[in-house]
PDB file of N, CA and C in Angstrom:
ATOM      1  N   MET A   1       0.844  -1.179   0.000  1.00  0.00           N
ATOM      2  CA  MET A   1       0.000   0.000   0.000  1.00  0.00           C
ATOM      3  C   MET A   1       0.887   1.238   0.000  1.00  0.00           C
ATOM      4  N   ILE A   2       0.597   2.177  -0.868  1.00  0.00           N
ATOM      5  CA  ILE A   2       1.339   3.427  -0.930  1.00  0.00           C
ATOM      6  C   ILE A   2       0.562   4.471  -0.150  1.00  0.00           C
ATOM      7  N   ILE A   3       1.232   5.088   0.800  1.00  0.00           N
ATOM      8  CA  ILE A   3       0.586   6.116   1.613  1.00  0.00           C
ATOM      9  C   ILE A   3       1.282   7.439   1.334  1.00  0.00           C
ATOM     10  N   GLN A   4       0.504   8.431   0.952  1.00  0.00           N
ATOM     11  CA  GLN A   4       1.039   9.749   0.658  1.00  0.00           C
ATOM     12  C   GLN A   4       0.662  10.701   1.779  1.00  0.00           C
ATOM     13  N   ASP A   5       1.429  11.775   1.908  1.00  0.00           N
ATOM     14  CA  ASP A   5       1.130  12.775   2.929  1.00  0.00           C
ATOM     15  C   ASP A   5      -0.228  13.410   2.713  1.00  0.00           C
ATOM     16  N   SER A   6      -0.697  13.460   1.471  1.00  0.00           N
ATOM     17  CA  SER A   6      -1.963  14.111   1.175  1.00  0.00           C
ATOM     18  C   SER A   6      -3.171  13.218   1.456  1.00  0.00           C
ATOM     19  N   MET A   7      -2.940  11.942   1.778  1.00  0.00           N
ATOM     20  CA  MET A   7      -4.060  11.032   2.050  1.00  0.00           C
ATOM     21  C   MET A   7      -4.721  11.384   3.376  1.00  0.00           C
ATOM     22  N   THR A   8      -6.016  11.166   3.452  1.00  0.00           N
ATOM     23  CA  THR A   8      -6.714  11.366   4.710  1.00  0.00           C
ATOM     24  C   THR A   8      -6.306  10.265   5.673  1.00  0.00           C
ATOM     25  N   ALA A   9      -6.387  10.542   6.956  1.00  0.00           N
ATOM     26  CA  ALA A   9      -5.970   9.566   7.962  1.00  0.00           C
ATOM     27  C   ALA A   9      -6.904   8.361   7.993  1.00  0.00           C
ATOM     28  N   ASN A  10      -8.198   8.589   7.826  1.00  0.00           N
ATOM     29  CA  ASN A  10      -9.171   7.503   7.899  1.00  0.00           C
ATOM     30  C   ASN A  10      -9.953   7.382   6.596  1.00  0.00           C
ATOM     31  N   VAL A  11     -10.265   6.147   6.251  1.00  0.00           N
ATOM     32  CA  VAL A  11     -11.006   5.858   5.031  1.00  0.00           C
ATOM     33  C   VAL A  11     -12.233   5.043   5.407  1.00  0.00           C
ATOM     34  N   LEU A  12     -13.411   5.411   4.896  1.00  0.00           N
ATOM     35  CA  LEU A  12     -14.617   4.619   5.134  1.00  0.00           C
ATOM     36  C   LEU A  12     -14.663   3.474   4.136  1.00  0.00           C
ATOM     37  N   MET A  13     -14.823   2.260   4.657  1.00  0.00           N
ATOM     38  CA  MET A  13     -14.874   1.070   3.807  1.00  0.00           C
ATOM     39  C   MET A  13     -16.014   0.184   4.273  1.00  0.00           C
ATOM     40  N   THR A  14     -16.507  -0.655   3.378  1.00  0.00           N
ATOM     41  CA  THR A  14     -17.523  -1.633   3.759  1.00  0.00           C
ATOM     42  C   THR A  14     -16.939  -3.026   3.592  1.00  0.00           C
ATOM     43  N   GLY A  15     -17.335  -3.893   4.505  1.00  0.00           N
ATOM     44  CA  GLY A  15     -16.855  -5.269   4.456  1.00  0.00           C
ATOM     45  C   GLY A  15     -17.735  -6.165   5.304  1.00  0.00           C
ATOM     46  N   ARG A  16     -17.577  -7.450   5.111  1.00  0.00           N
ATOM     47  CA  ARG A  16     -18.335  -8.435   5.884  1.00  0.00           C
ATOM     48  C   ARG A  16     -17.432  -9.638   6.139  1.00  0.00           C
ATOM     49  N   LEU A  17     -17.890 -10.508   7.026  1.00  0.00           N
ATOM     50  CA  LEU A  17     -17.127 -11.719   7.296  1.00  0.00           C
ATOM     51  C   LEU A  17     -16.970 -12.520   6.006  1.00  0.00           C
ATOM     52  N   ALA A  18     -15.801 -13.060   5.795  1.00  0.00           N
ATOM     53  CA  ALA A  18     -15.516 -13.843   4.587  1.00  0.00           C
ATOM     54  C   ALA A  18     -16.347 -15.121   4.575  1.00  0.00           C
ATOM     55  N   PRO A  19     -16.626 -15.660   3.390  1.00  0.00           N
ATOM     56  CA  PRO A  19     -17.384 -16.915   3.297  1.00  0.00           C
ATOM     57  C   PRO A  19     -16.714 -18.018   4.124  1.00  0.00           C
ATOM     58  N   GLY A  20     -17.541 -18.768   4.839  1.00  0.00           N
ATOM     59  CA  GLY A  20     -17.032 -19.853   5.664  1.00  0.00           C
ATOM     60  C   GLY A  20     -16.679 -19.448   7.080  1.00  0.00           C
ATOM     61  N   ARG A  21     -16.669 -18.155   7.374  1.00  0.00           N
ATOM     62  CA  ARG A  21     -16.337 -17.671   8.721  1.00  0.00           C
ATOM     63  C   ARG A  21     -17.561 -17.585   9.615  1.00  0.00           C
ATOM     64  N   ALA A  22     -18.748 -17.513   9.014  1.00  0.00           N
ATOM     65  CA  ALA A  22     -20.002 -17.415   9.773  1.00  0.00           C
ATOM     66  C   ALA A  22     -21.149 -17.794   8.846  1.00  0.00           C
ATOM     67  N   GLY A  23     -22.316 -18.024   9.438  1.00  0.00           N
ATOM     68  CA  GLY A  23     -23.507 -18.301   8.641  1.00  0.00           C
ATOM     69  C   GLY A  23     -23.895 -17.079   7.827  1.00  0.00           C
ATOM     70  N   GLU A  24     -24.662 -17.296   6.774  1.00  0.00           N
ATOM     71  CA  GLU A  24     -25.042 -16.197   5.879  1.00  0.00           C
ATOM     72  C   GLU A  24     -25.772 -15.070   6.605  1.00  0.00           C
ATOM     73  N   SER A  25     -26.551 -15.391   7.630  1.00  0.00           N
ATOM     74  CA  SER A  25     -27.304 -14.345   8.336  1.00  0.00           C
ATOM     75  C   SER A  25     -26.385 -13.405   9.118  1.00  0.00           C
ATOM     76  N   ARG A  26     -25.170 -13.827   9.435  1.00  0.00           N
ATOM     77  CA  ARG A  26     -24.213 -12.980  10.155  1.00  0.00           C
ATOM     78  C   ARG A  26     -23.285 -12.228   9.204  1.00  0.00           C
ATOM     79  N   ARG A  27     -23.383 -12.496   7.918  1.00  0.00           N
ATOM     80  CA  ARG A  27     -22.481 -11.868   6.949  1.00  0.00           C
ATOM     81  C   ARG A  27     -23.070 -10.560   6.415  1.00  0.00           C
ATOM     82  N   VAL A  28     -23.386  -9.647   7.316  1.00  0.00           N
ATOM     83  CA  VAL A  28     -23.919  -8.347   6.903  1.00  0.00           C
ATOM     84  C   VAL A  28     -22.755  -7.407   6.591  1.00  0.00           C
ATOM     85  N   ALA A  29     -23.006  -6.439   5.735  1.00  0.00           N
ATOM     86  CA  ALA A  29     -21.978  -5.474   5.335  1.00  0.00           C
ATOM     87  C   ALA A  29     -21.874  -4.373   6.384  1.00  0.00           C
ATOM     88  N   HIS A  30     -20.732  -4.327   7.050  1.00  0.00           N
ATOM     89  CA  HIS A  30     -20.463  -3.319   8.075  1.00  0.00           C
ATOM     90  C   HIS A  30     -19.741  -2.126   7.455  1.00  0.00           C
ATOM     91  N   VAL A  31     -19.829  -0.980   8.119  1.00  0.00           N
ATOM     92  CA  VAL A  31     -19.089   0.217   7.722  1.00  0.00           C
ATOM     93  C   VAL A  31     -17.918   0.362   8.688  1.00  0.00           C
ATOM     94  N   PHE A  32     -16.712   0.433   8.139  1.00  0.00           N
ATOM     95  CA  PHE A  32     -15.499   0.567   8.938  1.00  0.00           C
ATOM     96  C   PHE A  32     -14.821   1.885   8.617  1.00  0.00           C
ATOM     97  N   GLU A  33     -14.311   2.553   9.647  1.00  0.00           N
ATOM     98  CA  GLU A  33     -13.461   3.722   9.452  1.00  0.00           C
ATOM     99  C   GLU A  33     -12.040   3.223   9.679  1.00  0.00           C
ATOM    100  N   VAL A  34     -11.333   2.956   8.586  1.00  0.00           N
ATOM    101  CA  VAL A  34     -10.021   2.318   8.651  1.00  0.00           C
ATOM    102  C   VAL A  34      -8.927   3.373   8.595  1.00  0.00           C
ATOM    103  N   ASP A  35      -7.994   3.290   9.532  1.00  0.00           N
ATOM    104  CA  ASP A  35      -6.831   4.170   9.540  1.00  0.00           C
ATOM    105  C   ASP A  35      -5.863   3.661   8.480  1.00  0.00           C
ATOM    106  N   ALA A  36      -5.565   4.479   7.498  1.00  0.00           N
ATOM    107  CA  ALA A  36      -4.716   4.061   6.379  1.00  0.00           C
ATOM    108  C   ALA A  36      -3.313   3.680   6.828  1.00  0.00           C
ATOM    109  N   ALA A  37      -2.842   4.234   7.924  1.00  0.00           N
ATOM    110  CA  ALA A  37      -1.483   3.957   8.384  1.00  0.00           C
ATOM    111  C   ALA A  37      -1.429   2.845   9.424  1.00  0.00           C
ATOM    112  N   SER A  38      -2.566   2.361   9.874  1.00  0.00           N
ATOM    113  CA  SER A  38      -2.599   1.358  10.940  1.00  0.00           C
ATOM    114  C   SER A  38      -2.357  -0.044  10.401  1.00  0.00           C
ATOM    115  N   SER A  39      -1.751  -0.862  11.234  1.00  0.00           N
ATOM    116  CA  SER A  39      -1.546  -2.267  10.868  1.00  0.00           C
ATOM    117  C   SER A  39      -2.120  -3.178  11.949  1.00  0.00           C
ATOM    118  N   SER A  40      -3.127  -2.687  12.686  1.00  0.00           N
ATOM    119  CA  SER A  40      -3.721  -3.488  13.753  1.00  0.00           C
ATOM    120  C   SER A  40      -4.402  -4.723  13.178  1.00  0.00           C
ATOM    121  N   ALA A  41      -4.475  -5.767  13.974  1.00  0.00           N
ATOM    122  CA  ALA A  41      -5.033  -7.046  13.520  1.00  0.00           C
ATOM    123  C   ALA A  41      -6.548  -7.006  13.400  1.00  0.00           C
ATOM    124  N   GLU A  42      -7.209  -6.095  14.120  1.00  0.00           N
ATOM    125  CA  GLU A  42      -8.672  -6.020  14.100  1.00  0.00           C
ATOM    126  C   GLU A  42      -9.118  -4.614  13.724  1.00  0.00           C
ATOM    127  N   VAL A  43     -10.302  -4.539  13.133  1.00  0.00           N
ATOM    128  CA  VAL A  43     -10.910  -3.247  12.816  1.00  0.00           C
ATOM    129  C   VAL A  43     -12.282  -3.185  13.480  1.00  0.00           C
ATOM    130  N   LEU A  44     -12.669  -1.983  13.858  1.00  0.00           N
ATOM    131  CA  LEU A  44     -13.925  -1.773  14.574  1.00  0.00           C
ATOM    132  C   LEU A  44     -14.955  -1.173  13.632  1.00  0.00           C
ATOM    133  N   ALA A  45     -16.109  -1.834  13.531  1.00  0.00           N
ATOM    134  CA  ALA A  45     -17.201  -1.334  12.695  1.00  0.00           C
ATOM    135  C   ALA A  45     -17.912  -0.203  13.424  1.00  0.00           C
ATOM    136  N   ARG A  46     -18.661   0.605  12.687  1.00  0.00           N
ATOM    137  CA  ARG A  46     -19.411   1.707  13.296  1.00  0.00           C
ATOM    138  C   ARG A  46     -20.377   1.217  14.370  1.00  0.00           C
ATOM    139  N   CYS A  47     -20.891  -0.007  14.209  1.00  0.00           N
ATOM    140  CA  CYS A  47     -21.856  -0.550  15.167  1.00  0.00           C
ATOM    141  C   CYS A  47     -21.185  -1.057  16.438  1.00  0.00           C
ATOM    142  N   GLY A  48     -19.856  -1.144  16.444  1.00  0.00           N
ATOM    143  CA  GLY A  48     -19.129  -1.611  17.617  1.00  0.00           C
ATOM    144  C   GLY A  48     -18.561  -3.015  17.490  1.00  0.00           C
ATOM    145  N   GLU A  49     -18.920  -3.727  16.423  1.00  0.00           N
ATOM    146  CA  GLU A  49     -18.393  -5.084  16.240  1.00  0.00           C
ATOM    147  C   GLU A  49     -16.940  -5.020  15.779  1.00  0.00           C
ATOM    148  N   SER A  50     -16.101  -5.808  16.447  1.00  0.00           N
ATOM    149  CA  SER A  50     -14.687  -5.874  16.110  1.00  0.00           C
ATOM    150  C   SER A  50     -14.419  -7.144  15.313  1.00  0.00           C
ATOM    151  N   LEU A  51     -13.798  -6.998  14.139  1.00  0.00           N
ATOM    152  CA  LEU A  51     -13.523  -8.144  13.274  1.00  0.00           C
ATOM    153  C   LEU A  51     -12.039  -8.196  12.924  1.00  0.00           C
ATOM    154  N   PRO A  52     -11.467  -9.410  12.865  1.00  0.00           N
ATOM    155  CA  PRO A  52     -10.073  -9.537  12.418  1.00  0.00           C
ATOM    156  C   PRO A  52      -9.953  -9.157  10.941  1.00  0.00           C
ATOM    157  N   ARG A  53      -8.937  -8.387  10.596  1.00  0.00           N
ATOM    158  CA  ARG A  53      -8.739  -7.967   9.197  1.00  0.00           C
ATOM    159  C   ARG A  53      -8.670  -9.156   8.248  1.00  0.00           C
ATOM    160  N   THR A  54      -8.063 -10.249   8.691  1.00  0.00           N
ATOM    161  CA  THR A  54      -7.891 -11.418   7.823  1.00  0.00           C
ATOM    162  C   THR A  54      -9.188 -12.165   7.574  1.00  0.00           C
ATOM    163  N   HIS A  55     -10.246 -11.866   8.342  1.00  0.00           N
ATOM    164  CA  HIS A  55     -11.537 -12.546   8.184  1.00  0.00           C
ATOM    165  C   HIS A  55     -12.541 -11.697   7.418  1.00  0.00           C
ATOM    166  N   ILE A  56     -12.111 -10.554   6.901  1.00  0.00           N
ATOM    167  CA  ILE A  56     -13.038  -9.623   6.248  1.00  0.00           C
ATOM    168  C   ILE A  56     -12.949  -9.730   4.730  1.00  0.00           C
ATOM    169  N   GLU A  57     -14.120  -9.783   4.115  1.00  0.00           N
ATOM    170  CA  GLU A  57     -14.238  -9.690   2.658  1.00  0.00           C
ATOM    171  C   GLU A  57     -14.610  -8.231   2.372  1.00  0.00           C
ATOM    172  N   TRP A  58     -13.694  -7.459   1.785  1.00  0.00           N
ATOM    173  CA  TRP A  58     -13.945  -6.049   1.507  1.00  0.00           C
ATOM    174  C   TRP A  58     -14.870  -5.927   0.306  1.00  0.00           C
ATOM    175  N   LEU A  59     -15.814  -5.000   0.394  1.00  0.00           N
ATOM    176  CA  LEU A  59     -16.870  -4.872  -0.612  1.00  0.00           C
ATOM    177  C   LEU A  59     -16.893  -3.484  -1.238  1.00  0.00           C
ATOM    178  N   ALA A  60     -17.441  -3.413  -2.435  1.00  0.00           N
ATOM    179  CA  ALA A  60     -17.723  -2.116  -3.053  1.00  0.00           C
ATOM    180  C   ALA A  60     -18.958  -1.538  -2.355  1.00  0.00           C
ATOM    181  N   PRO A  61     -19.068  -0.215  -2.240  1.00  0.00           N
ATOM    182  CA  PRO A  61     -20.251   0.372  -1.610  1.00  0.00           C
ATOM    183  C   PRO A  61     -21.538  -0.098  -2.288  1.00  0.00           C
ATOM    184  N   GLY A  62     -22.532  -0.432  -1.484  1.00  0.00           N
ATOM    185  CA  GLY A  62     -23.823  -0.869  -1.997  1.00  0.00           C
ATOM    186  C   GLY A  62     -23.951  -2.361  -2.202  1.00  0.00           C
ATOM    187  N   VAL A  63     -22.891  -3.117  -1.955  1.00  0.00           N
ATOM    188  CA  VAL A  63     -22.916  -4.569  -2.132  1.00  0.00           C
ATOM    189  C   VAL A  63     -23.213  -5.231  -0.792  1.00  0.00           C
ATOM    190  N   GLY A  64     -24.071  -6.229  -0.793  1.00  0.00           N
ATOM    191  CA  GLY A  64     -24.368  -6.990   0.423  1.00  0.00           C
ATOM    192  C   GLY A  64     -25.483  -6.378   1.250  1.00  0.00           C
ATOM    193  N   MET A  65     -26.024  -7.195   2.146  1.00  0.00           N
ATOM    194  CA  MET A  65     -27.072  -6.745   3.067  1.00  0.00           C
ATOM    195  C   MET A  65     -26.427  -5.883   4.147  1.00  0.00           C
ATOM    196  N   PRO A  66     -26.847  -4.623   4.292  1.00  0.00           N
ATOM    197  CA  PRO A  66     -26.173  -3.742   5.249  1.00  0.00           C
ATOM    198  C   PRO A  66     -26.504  -4.066   6.701  1.00  0.00           C
ATOM    199  N   CYS A  67     -25.535  -3.830   7.568  1.00  0.00           N
ATOM    200  CA  CYS A  67     -25.759  -3.888   9.009  1.00  0.00           C
ATOM    201  C   CYS A  67     -26.605  -2.657   9.340  1.00  0.00           C
ATOM    202  N   GLU A  68     -27.773  -2.863   9.912  1.00  0.00           N
ATOM    203  CA  GLU A  68     -28.679  -1.738  10.179  1.00  0.00           C
ATOM    204  C   GLU A  68     -28.070  -0.727  11.134  1.00  0.00           C
ATOM    205  N   SER A  69     -27.336  -1.200  12.131  1.00  0.00           N
ATOM    206  CA  SER A  69     -26.714  -0.278  13.089  1.00  0.00           C
ATOM    207  C   SER A  69     -25.639   0.568  12.415  1.00  0.00           C
ATOM    208  N   CYS A  70     -24.793  -0.053  11.608  1.00  0.00           N
ATOM    209  CA  CYS A  70     -23.752   0.690  10.881  1.00  0.00           C
ATOM    210  C   CYS A  70     -24.376   1.699   9.927  1.00  0.00           C
ATOM    211  N   LEU A  71     -25.409   1.278   9.236  1.00  0.00           N
ATOM    212  CA  LEU A  71     -26.074   2.142   8.266  1.00  0.00           C
ATOM    213  C   LEU A  71     -26.677   3.360   8.959  1.00  0.00           C
ATOM    214  N   GLY A  72     -27.287   3.138  10.110  1.00  0.00           N
ATOM    215  CA  GLY A  72     -27.888   4.231  10.863  1.00  0.00           C
ATOM    216  C   GLY A  72     -26.868   5.214  11.402  1.00  0.00           C
ATOM    217  N   LEU A  73     -25.649   4.727  11.673  1.00  0.00           N
ATOM    218  CA  LEU A  73     -24.599   5.575  12.235  1.00  0.00           C
ATOM    219  C   LEU A  73     -23.627   6.093  11.177  1.00  0.00           C
ATOM    220  N   ALA A  74     -23.807   5.710   9.918  1.00  0.00           N
ATOM    221  CA  ALA A  74     -22.836   6.031   8.863  1.00  0.00           C
ATOM    222  C   ALA A  74     -22.598   7.524   8.694  1.00  0.00           C
ATOM    223  N   GLY A  75     -23.604   8.351   8.838  1.00  0.00           N
ATOM    224  CA  GLY A  75     -23.420   9.785   8.670  1.00  0.00           C
ATOM    225  C   GLY A  75     -23.517  10.553   9.971  1.00  0.00           C
ATOM    226  N   ALA A  76     -23.419   9.859  11.094  1.00  0.00           N
ATOM    227  CA  ALA A  76     -23.622  10.492  12.395  1.00  0.00           C
ATOM    228  C   ALA A  76     -22.567  11.537  12.724  1.00  0.00           C
ATOM    229  N   ASP A  77     -21.386  11.441  12.148  1.00  0.00           N
ATOM    230  CA  ASP A  77     -20.326  12.387  12.464  1.00  0.00           C
ATOM    231  C   ASP A  77     -20.311  13.608  11.538  1.00  0.00           C
ATOM    232  N   LEU A  78     -21.212  13.641  10.565  1.00  0.00           N
ATOM    233  CA  LEU A  78     -21.264  14.771   9.641  1.00  0.00           C
ATOM    234  C   LEU A  78     -22.042  15.928  10.253  1.00  0.00           C
ATOM    235  N   PRO A  79     -21.579  17.161  10.066  1.00  0.00           N
ATOM    236  CA  PRO A  79     -22.311  18.306  10.610  1.00  0.00           C
ATOM    237  C   PRO A  79     -23.653  18.478   9.906  1.00  0.00           C
ATOM    238  N   ARG A  80     -24.635  18.872  10.658  1.00  0.00           N
ATOM    239  CA  ARG A  80     -25.969  19.111  10.106  1.00  0.00           C
ATOM    240  C   ARG A  80     -26.144  20.613   9.902  1.00  0.00           C
ATOM    241  N   SER A  81     -26.737  20.977   8.789  1.00  0.00           N
ATOM    242  CA  SER A  81     -26.997  22.387   8.543  1.00  0.00           C
ATOM    243  C   SER A  81     -28.363  22.524   7.893  1.00  0.00           C
ATOM    244  N   PRO A  82     -29.024  23.657   8.110  1.00  0.00           N
ATOM    245  CA  PRO A  82     -30.338  23.869   7.503  1.00  0.00           C
ATOM    246  C   PRO A  82     -30.244  23.880   5.984  1.00  0.00           C
ATOM    247  N   LEU A  83     -31.295  23.448   5.345  1.00  0.00           N
ATOM    248  CA  LEU A  83     -31.349  23.441   3.887  1.00  0.00           C
ATOM    249  C   LEU A  83     -32.124  24.662   3.416  1.00  0.00           C
ATOM    250  N   SER A  84     -31.414  25.610   2.825  1.00  0.00           N
ATOM    251  CA  SER A  84     -32.058  26.858   2.405  1.00  0.00           C
ATOM    252  C   SER A  84     -33.123  26.618   1.337  1.00  0.00           C
ATOM    253  N   GLU A  85     -32.929  25.596   0.500  1.00  0.00           N
ATOM    254  CA  GLU A  85     -33.924  25.331  -0.543  1.00  0.00           C
ATOM    255  C   GLU A  85     -35.243  24.828   0.032  1.00  0.00           C
ATOM    256  N   LEU A  86     -35.222  24.374   1.285  1.00  0.00           N
ATOM    257  CA  LEU A  86     -36.453  23.935   1.946  1.00  0.00           C
ATOM    258  C   LEU A  86     -37.038  25.021   2.842  1.00  0.00           C
ATOM    259  N   GLY A  87     -36.361  26.175   2.900  1.00  0.00           N
ATOM    260  CA  GLY A  87     -36.857  27.279   3.706  1.00  0.00           C
ATOM    261  C   GLY A  87     -36.548  27.144   5.184  1.00  0.00           C
ATOM    262  N   VAL A  88     -35.568  26.325   5.531  1.00  0.00           N
ATOM    263  CA  VAL A  88     -35.163  26.188   6.947  1.00  0.00           C
ATOM    264  C   VAL A  88     -33.765  26.685   7.162  1.00  0.00           C
TER     265      VAL A  88
END
């Protein structure tokens, strides 16, 4: 992996447990905020579930059944502002 000074520290990625690691009902697509410079063995999903990096199947956005908790928290850190086009 090439890391440049201009890269953001964290990258949002989606992934789920790799085939054979769990039943299909547990293989939901989680949202991870991955530190590009980190080499930790586990990553923490937005919902709080911790998964080993080696057990994750990384996905393109929109692929797989989403984890409802991760999906609900996906934009929680973004600032909210009134929408002038709606008159608020």
